[in-house]
Amino acid sequence: MSITQSTIGILLKDQSGACWKCGRSIPPFEVHHAVYSRDMHFQKYLDMAENLILVCPYCHANHGALANFPTRKKVWQWKVEHGYEIKAWHEKLDMLIKDNLDGE
């Protein structure tokens, strides 16, 4: 599975066309995974809107500020506040992914 235009449209709408990190509304946006794995087996869950945010190229280039456990928690809290079913999504994840979620 890959990230679809439909998923990007959902993210654009939910984020009001702005970068999740800095709030810039200058496209193009890049897709950032809260949880990422190179194992293609997991992509069907990791490429879902629950795990994705849109960021501007500047914020994505500063990837270290996005790829840490506190930021991941902020992303998911934001997702919950915007009506995403994070608990249901999390329950679908393979244990190999869940083992890497805690306290990275």
Foldseek 3Di string as FASTA:
>chain_A
DAQDPVLVVVQCVLLVCAAPPPGDNDDDWDKDFQFDDPPPVQCVLRNHNLGIHTHHPVVVVVVVVCHFLVNSVVSNVSCVVSPDPNVVSVVPGDVVRVVVNPGD
